[in-house]
Every structure is written in C-alpha cells, then in structure tokens.
Amino acid sequence: MTPPPAQPPLPPVRVALAESVAELPTEGPWAYEPKFDGHRLVLFRGAGPREVLLQARSGRTVTAAFPDLAEAARALPQGTVVDGEVVVWTQGRIDFAAVQRRAAATPGRAPELARTLPASYAAFDLLAEAGADLRGRAYGERRERLVALLAPLGPPLQPVPMTTDPELAAVWYESLRATGVEGLVIKRLDQTYPSGRRAWLKLRHSDTRDAVVVGFTGSRARPQALVLVLPGDDDPLLSSPLAPAVRARAAELLPASDGEAGMNAIGFGDITYRTVPAELTVEVRQQATRHRTAAVVRFRGGGAE
C-alpha cells in the first residue's frame, strides 16, 4: 500500500543555513547561486482563497510588513511553501537599508512603503508543492519544480539564477559584486533540505559586510555600541564597543531616538537600547568566535563615507 504524501510544513519552519568557506568548491555535484543579501522570508500559501503567511528567519510572522509580496503569493497554488530572500533594488543595486525599513514597517505604514520601495522576492528553494512536503527530496528536483512553478508568474516572485558550471559561478562571483551581491551560496544537487543546519556553503568577497543600524547603547552624544541587523537575519545584534573614531562619527550621524527596546546580548544579558529609524548603513567585520560578534568599521552612504 502506497503511504500518503507527507503533509506540508507548517510555520514556523526552521530554515536552512550556510557555513562560510574560503574558496569555491568544484569537485562534486554542486549548484551555485548568487547570494542576495536581504530579508529571509518563507512564503506559505494556505488552503483559503487569500490565505498567505510570510515568516522571517526568526520564525516571526511578518505578513503585514510586505503586503505587495503577500498579494503576489496569492497567485501560487494552494499548499505551496517557498524559501527565499526579499530584496529592494535602488539604482541598480541591492539596498539592504531599504529592505530593513520594509521589514520594520508598521501595518499602517507598510502599504505606502510597498509603493515607494517595491520588494522583489528571490526564491531559492521549494519546501512544499500541492500540499506535499518536498524537504526530503534532492535539491536538484526541488530546483526544477521551483522554476516550473514560478515561470508563469514572473516578478516580483522569481527564482534566483543557478548554475552547475563552476567557471560561470566564478564569473558571477566577480561580476555581480557591483550590484550588491555579496558572493555565492553553494549546495549539493543530491542534498535534502537541511532545516536548522549549516549544511549549505557560502563564499563571500571578504570578512566585512554591510548592516543596518536600528539602535544604540549609551547616549546619543557618546554612543557605546550600535544595535545592528545583518542581511538575511532579522534578529538584532549588539556590536562590539565602538572605536573612538567610529564613536565620534556615530554621534554626528545618529538620528534622534524614536523609543526604547530590549534584547538579550551575548556576554551582557538583557539590555535596553535606544531605537532609531533604519536609515544608516555601516560596514562591519564579523569575528570568527564561538558567539557571533560584529565590529563596526565605518559608516556608509548619505555623506557618511
């Protein structure tokens, strides 16, 4: 007797993660994708005629923040679950500060931001189709099904480019950097979906990356550390203590605080910080330690270079 198909995954789903590598792997059945740095989002197309749920990497429901993507997802067949990244393009480049503003929008503000900062969804995996859980299938099969599913729809829901040619992947790695693509994600074609595990690989251009400032500790005139959101992760991160030059620049550039929030910071426990609008972008260097940390190197854009 044939067993019934597995039921589709229900929110919150533990998303697959990637481990950093220093060079491009070439031996093996590899698939290579550009690494779009935005806001990780899982789309759930439910059984009702308009039933859609959008889940952030942390497991939070963020449907109200992205009404444009929720509307687009209603064109998907019922019982579909897609994993991908939300990006906002500004003047031909990925604008992570803009997508963070979208992610932090209140329900009242979200429709206006959807008009002024329209989102694109870079889909890179298909977790369920027609109500059947596909996470146990090989990535190569999931990819074929994803492309066939999204091809009739078009923007803003699109599959990320993918190649199995390491030479083309190397060209992408160099040429797409100007558009804000941070590097490559590498997956085995025969790999099942690794929920909650760092079983994918990622090759970055350097050990520095951009982050959006969403708060600070200390006073505005003398900030001690910044609270940051990194691409692909909606959980706030407390930076290392600011170097004197960066602290002085922060005092010049930080906008007025719009409130307070709390977080649990590794090594500090529960802290309260002053929140600011997601308007400033900084370059950070992530430290390879047991706990994730980020040292702020400099401010970017808006006259902050």
Protein backbone atom coordinates (compact mmCIF):
# COMPACT_ATOMS: atom_id res chain seq x y z
CA MET A 1 0.00 0.00 0.00
CA THR A 2 1.44 3.39 -1.01
CA PRO A 3 1.84 5.69 2.01
CA PRO A 4 0.11 9.07 1.78
CA PRO A 5 2.32 12.04 0.88
CA ALA A 6 3.89 13.96 3.74
CA GLN A 7 1.90 16.98 4.85
CA PRO A 8 3.31 20.43 4.04
CA PRO A 9 5.49 22.10 6.68
CA LEU A 10 3.65 24.46 8.99
CA PRO A 11 5.00 27.76 10.33
CA PRO A 12 7.34 28.39 11.93
CA VAL A 13 9.82 26.47 9.77
CA ARG A 14 13.47 26.20 10.78
CA VAL A 15 15.27 27.48 7.70
CA ALA A 16 18.45 26.04 6.20
CA LEU A 17 21.66 27.91 6.96
CA ALA A 18 25.08 28.18 5.32
CA GLU A 19 28.67 27.85 6.55
CA SER A 20 31.42 30.14 5.24
CA VAL A 21 34.17 28.71 3.05
CA ALA A 22 37.38 30.34 1.81
CA GLU A 23 37.34 29.08 -1.79
CA LEU A 24 34.92 27.85 -4.42
CA PRO A 25 34.36 24.08 -4.23
CA THR A 26 34.38 22.39 -7.63
CA GLU A 27 34.55 18.63 -7.01
CA GLY A 28 31.09 17.19 -6.59
CA PRO A 29 27.55 17.68 -7.81
CA TRP A 30 27.44 21.36 -6.83
CA ALA A 31 24.87 24.04 -7.62
CA TYR A 32 25.89 27.70 -7.38
CA GLU A 33 23.56 30.66 -6.69
CA PRO A 34 24.24 34.38 -6.20
CA LYS A 35 23.93 35.37 -2.54
CA PHE A 36 21.24 38.07 -2.41
CA ASP A 37 21.53 39.87 0.90
CA GLY A 38 18.12 40.96 2.04
CA HIS A 39 15.49 39.73 4.47
CA ARG A 40 14.99 35.95 4.70
CA LEU A 41 11.35 35.06 4.08
CA VAL A 42 9.38 31.83 3.82
CA LEU A 43 6.11 32.08 1.86
CA PHE A 44 3.20 29.85 2.90
CA ARG A 45 0.25 29.64 0.50
CA GLY A 46 -2.58 28.18 2.52
CA ALA A 47 -5.84 26.47 1.62
CA GLY A 48 -8.12 29.52 1.65
CA PRO A 49 -8.58 31.66 -1.47
CA ARG A 50 -6.49 34.51 0.03
CA GLU A 51 -4.64 32.68 2.79
CA VAL A 52 -0.94 33.66 2.81
CA LEU A 53 1.59 33.80 5.64
CA LEU A 54 5.09 35.26 5.45
CA GLN A 55 7.66 34.05 8.00
CA ALA A 56 11.01 35.70 8.83
CA ARG A 57 14.12 33.68 9.61
CA SER A 58 13.48 34.04 13.35
CA GLY A 59 10.05 32.44 12.96
CA ARG A 60 8.12 35.71 13.35
CA THR A 61 5.11 36.31 11.13
CA VAL A 62 5.77 39.43 9.01
CA THR A 63 2.88 39.25 6.51
CA ALA A 64 1.64 42.75 7.32
CA ALA A 65 5.05 44.30 6.55
CA PHE A 66 5.05 43.05 2.94
CA PRO A 67 1.54 43.49 1.51
CA ASP A 68 2.90 43.53 -2.06
CA LEU A 69 4.56 40.13 -1.67
CA ALA A 70 1.56 38.71 0.17
CA GLU A 71 -0.67 39.72 -2.73
CA ALA A 72 1.76 38.22 -5.27
CA ALA A 73 1.94 34.98 -3.27
CA ARG A 74 -1.83 34.51 -3.62
CA ALA A 75 -1.14 33.53 -7.26
CA LEU A 76 0.75 30.45 -6.03
CA PRO A 77 -1.10 27.13 -5.92
CA GLN A 78 -2.55 26.24 -2.55
CA GLY A 79 -0.24 24.08 -0.43
CA THR A 80 2.96 25.81 -1.64
CA VAL A 81 5.86 26.72 0.67
CA VAL A 82 8.81 28.66 -0.77
CA ASP A 83 12.08 29.75 0.86
CA GLY A 84 13.89 32.85 -0.37
CA GLU A 85 15.15 36.37 0.21
CA VAL A 86 13.36 39.72 -0.04
CA VAL A 87 15.43 42.46 -1.69
CA VAL A 88 14.80 46.07 -2.67
CA TRP A 89 16.66 47.47 -5.67
CA THR A 90 17.73 51.13 -5.71
CA GLN A 91 19.55 52.49 -8.78
CA GLY A 92 20.55 49.02 -9.91
CA ARG A 93 21.91 47.87 -6.53
CA ILE A 94 20.53 45.86 -3.65
CA ASP A 95 19.59 48.31 -0.90
CA PHE A 96 19.65 46.49 2.41
CA ALA A 97 18.72 49.58 4.41
CA ALA A 98 15.58 49.90 2.27
CA VAL A 99 14.54 46.29 2.78
CA GLN A 100 15.10 46.67 6.51
CA ARG A 101 12.77 49.68 6.51
CA ARG A 102 10.22 47.47 4.79
CA ALA A 103 10.67 44.70 7.34
CA ALA A 104 10.28 47.11 10.27
CA ALA A 105 7.18 48.85 8.87
CA THR A 106 4.01 49.07 10.92
CA PRO A 107 0.79 47.81 9.27
CA GLY A 108 -0.28 51.43 8.73
CA ARG A 109 3.00 52.42 7.07
CA ALA A 110 3.59 49.20 5.07
CA PRO A 111 1.27 49.96 2.08
CA GLU A 112 2.98 53.30 1.39
CA LEU A 113 6.45 51.73 1.63
CA ALA A 114 5.30 48.96 -0.73
CA ARG A 115 4.58 51.68 -3.30
CA THR A 116 7.78 53.67 -2.80
CA LEU A 117 10.16 50.76 -2.10
CA PRO A 118 8.68 47.79 -4.00
CA ALA A 119 10.10 44.43 -2.94
CA SER A 120 11.39 41.59 -5.08
CA TYR A 121 11.43 38.00 -3.90
CA ALA A 122 14.46 35.89 -4.85
CA ALA A 123 13.19 32.34 -4.35
CA PHE A 124 15.86 29.68 -3.86
CA ASP A 125 14.04 26.58 -2.59
CA LEU A 126 10.69 24.84 -2.74
CA LEU A 127 9.71 23.19 0.54
CA ALA A 128 6.21 22.05 -0.41
CA GLU A 129 4.10 21.75 -3.53
CA ALA A 130 0.41 20.87 -3.80
CA GLY A 131 0.41 20.10 -0.08
CA ALA A 132 3.29 17.60 -0.25
CA ASP A 133 6.46 18.14 1.82
CA LEU A 134 9.48 18.20 -0.52
CA ARG A 135 12.21 18.74 2.08
CA GLY A 136 13.26 15.11 1.85
CA ARG A 137 13.77 15.32 -1.93
CA ALA A 138 17.08 16.16 -3.59
CA TYR A 139 17.83 19.83 -4.23
CA GLY A 140 18.10 19.20 -7.97
CA GLU A 141 14.49 18.04 -8.06
CA ARG A 142 13.29 20.84 -5.79
CA ARG A 143 15.01 23.37 -8.04
CA GLU A 144 13.35 22.03 -11.22
CA ARG A 145 9.95 22.18 -9.55
CA LEU A 146 10.61 25.71 -8.24
CA VAL A 147 11.48 27.04 -11.70
CA ALA A 148 8.43 25.39 -13.28
CA LEU A 149 6.19 26.77 -10.53
CA LEU A 150 7.35 30.39 -10.76
CA ALA A 151 7.96 30.67 -14.52
CA PRO A 152 4.31 31.52 -15.37
CA LEU A 153 4.13 34.18 -12.64
CA GLY A 154 7.13 36.45 -13.14
CA PRO A 155 8.13 39.41 -10.91
CA PRO A 156 8.09 40.04 -8.05
CA LEU A 157 8.36 36.27 -7.41
CA GLN A 158 11.39 34.91 -9.26
CA PRO A 159 13.83 32.03 -8.81
CA VAL A 160 17.42 33.06 -8.17
CA PRO A 161 19.83 32.25 -11.01
CA MET A 162 21.57 28.89 -10.62
CA THR A 163 24.38 27.13 -12.47
CA THR A 164 26.24 23.85 -12.10
CA ASP A 165 29.23 25.27 -14.01
CA PRO A 166 31.97 26.37 -11.58
CA GLU A 167 33.58 28.60 -14.22
CA LEU A 168 30.34 30.53 -14.72
CA ALA A 169 29.91 30.67 -10.94
CA ALA A 170 33.35 32.27 -10.67
CA VAL A 171 32.32 34.88 -13.25
CA TRP A 172 29.16 35.61 -11.25
CA TYR A 173 31.24 35.91 -8.08
CA GLU A 174 33.31 38.71 -9.60
CA SER A 175 30.87 40.45 -11.93
CA LEU A 176 27.78 40.67 -9.70
CA ARG A 177 29.62 42.33 -6.84
CA ALA A 178 28.85 45.76 -8.31
CA THR A 179 25.12 45.13 -7.85
CA GLY A 180 25.48 44.44 -4.14
CA VAL A 181 25.51 40.63 -4.44
CA GLU A 182 27.77 39.51 -1.60
CA GLY A 183 29.00 36.22 -3.01
CA LEU A 184 27.69 32.73 -3.72
CA VAL A 185 25.64 30.07 -1.96
CA ILE A 186 26.71 26.53 -2.86
CA LYS A 187 24.50 23.45 -2.47
CA ARG A 188 24.83 19.80 -3.40
CA LEU A 189 22.38 18.73 -6.08
CA ASP A 190 21.67 15.49 -4.18
CA GLN A 191 21.11 17.21 -0.82
CA THR A 192 17.83 17.23 1.10
CA TYR A 193 16.67 20.48 2.71
CA PRO A 194 18.79 20.92 5.88
CA SER A 195 16.29 22.57 8.24
CA GLY A 196 18.07 24.45 11.02
CA ARG A 197 21.54 23.22 9.99
CA ARG A 198 24.52 24.91 8.34
CA ALA A 199 24.78 22.37 5.57
CA TRP A 200 24.91 24.82 2.64
CA LEU A 201 28.11 26.72 1.87
CA LYS A 202 28.65 30.45 1.29
CA LEU A 203 31.60 32.18 -0.33
CA ARG A 204 31.86 35.88 0.50
CA HIS A 205 34.09 38.50 -1.05
CA SER A 206 35.60 39.46 2.30
CA ASP A 207 35.10 39.22 6.02
CA THR A 208 33.28 42.55 6.02
CA ARG A 209 29.65 43.18 5.16
CA ASP A 210 27.01 45.86 5.50
CA ALA A 211 24.49 46.09 8.33
CA VAL A 212 21.67 48.49 9.19
CA VAL A 213 21.71 50.49 12.42
CA VAL A 214 18.46 50.12 14.38
CA GLY A 215 19.60 51.39 17.77
CA PHE A 216 22.44 52.25 20.14
CA THR A 217 23.51 51.98 23.76
CA GLY A 218 24.86 54.85 25.81
CA SER A 219 23.88 58.41 24.99
CA ARG A 220 23.38 59.85 21.53
CA ALA A 221 26.29 62.23 22.15
CA ARG A 222 28.53 59.34 23.24
CA PRO A 223 27.18 56.00 21.96
CA GLN A 224 28.91 52.93 23.34
CA ALA A 225 27.73 50.29 20.84
CA LEU A 226 25.33 50.01 17.93
CA VAL A 227 22.42 47.63 17.57
CA LEU A 228 22.51 46.17 14.07
CA VAL A 229 20.53 43.99 11.71
CA LEU A 230 22.60 41.89 9.31
CA PRO A 231 21.41 40.76 5.87
CA GLY A 232 19.38 37.57 5.99
CA ASP A 233 18.79 37.80 9.74
CA ASP A 234 16.03 39.78 11.44
CA ASP A 235 17.38 39.32 15.00
CA PRO A 236 19.19 42.44 16.30
CA LEU A 237 22.89 42.12 17.12
CA LEU A 238 24.87 44.27 19.56
CA SER A 239 28.15 45.45 18.06
CA SER A 240 31.48 45.38 19.83
CA PRO A 241 32.28 48.61 21.74
CA LEU A 242 32.84 51.39 19.22
CA ALA A 243 36.35 52.59 18.46
CA PRO A 244 36.87 56.30 19.30
CA ALA A 245 36.75 57.48 15.66
CA VAL A 246 33.61 55.45 14.92
CA ARG A 247 32.00 56.68 18.15
CA ALA A 248 32.63 60.29 17.16
CA ARG A 249 31.13 59.68 13.71
CA ALA A 250 28.12 57.94 15.22
CA ALA A 251 27.49 60.94 17.45
CA GLU A 252 27.35 63.11 14.32
CA LEU A 253 25.14 60.82 12.23
CA LEU A 254 22.72 59.03 14.56
CA PRO A 255 19.14 60.29 14.14
CA ALA A 256 17.03 61.11 17.16
CA SER A 257 15.84 58.05 19.03
CA ASP A 258 12.21 57.08 18.49
CA GLY A 259 11.87 54.83 21.54
CA GLU A 260 13.41 52.04 23.56
CA ALA A 261 13.58 48.26 23.12
CA GLY A 262 15.17 45.31 24.83
CA MET A 263 17.32 42.41 23.68
CA ASN A 264 19.49 39.64 25.04
CA ALA A 265 23.12 40.29 24.09
CA ILE A 266 25.76 37.59 24.39
CA GLY A 267 28.08 38.47 27.27
CA PHE A 268 25.81 41.24 28.54
CA GLY A 269 22.49 39.53 29.20
CA ASP A 270 19.28 41.51 28.88
CA ILE A 271 19.90 45.12 27.85
CA THR A 272 17.78 48.11 26.92
CA TYR A 273 18.78 50.23 23.93
CA ARG A 274 17.52 53.35 22.20
CA THR A 275 15.88 52.63 18.84
CA VAL A 276 16.40 54.72 15.69
CA PRO A 277 14.84 54.61 12.20
CA ALA A 278 16.62 52.17 9.87
CA GLU A 279 18.37 54.89 7.86
CA LEU A 280 22.10 54.33 8.43
CA THR A 281 24.26 51.55 7.00
CA VAL A 282 27.62 50.54 8.44
CA GLU A 283 30.37 48.23 7.32
CA VAL A 284 31.08 45.58 9.94
CA ARG A 285 33.71 42.92 10.38
CA GLN A 286 32.32 39.70 11.78
CA GLN A 287 34.55 37.91 14.23
CA ALA A 288 35.11 34.16 13.94
CA THR A 289 34.35 33.35 17.57
CA ARG A 290 32.06 30.94 19.36
CA HIS A 291 29.39 33.65 19.55
CA ARG A 292 28.62 35.98 16.66
CA THR A 293 30.00 39.47 17.12
CA ALA A 294 30.47 42.40 14.76
CA ALA A 295 32.94 45.26 14.94
CA VAL A 296 31.82 48.46 13.21
CA VAL A 297 34.45 49.57 10.68
CA ARG A 298 32.80 52.71 9.25
CA PHE A 299 29.54 54.33 8.23
CA ARG A 300 28.40 54.10 4.61
CA GLY A 301 26.40 56.34 2.27
CA GLY A 302 24.46 59.53 2.85
CA GLY A 303 27.60 61.60 3.26
CA ALA A 304 28.90 59.16 5.87
CA GLU A 305 31.84 57.81 3.90
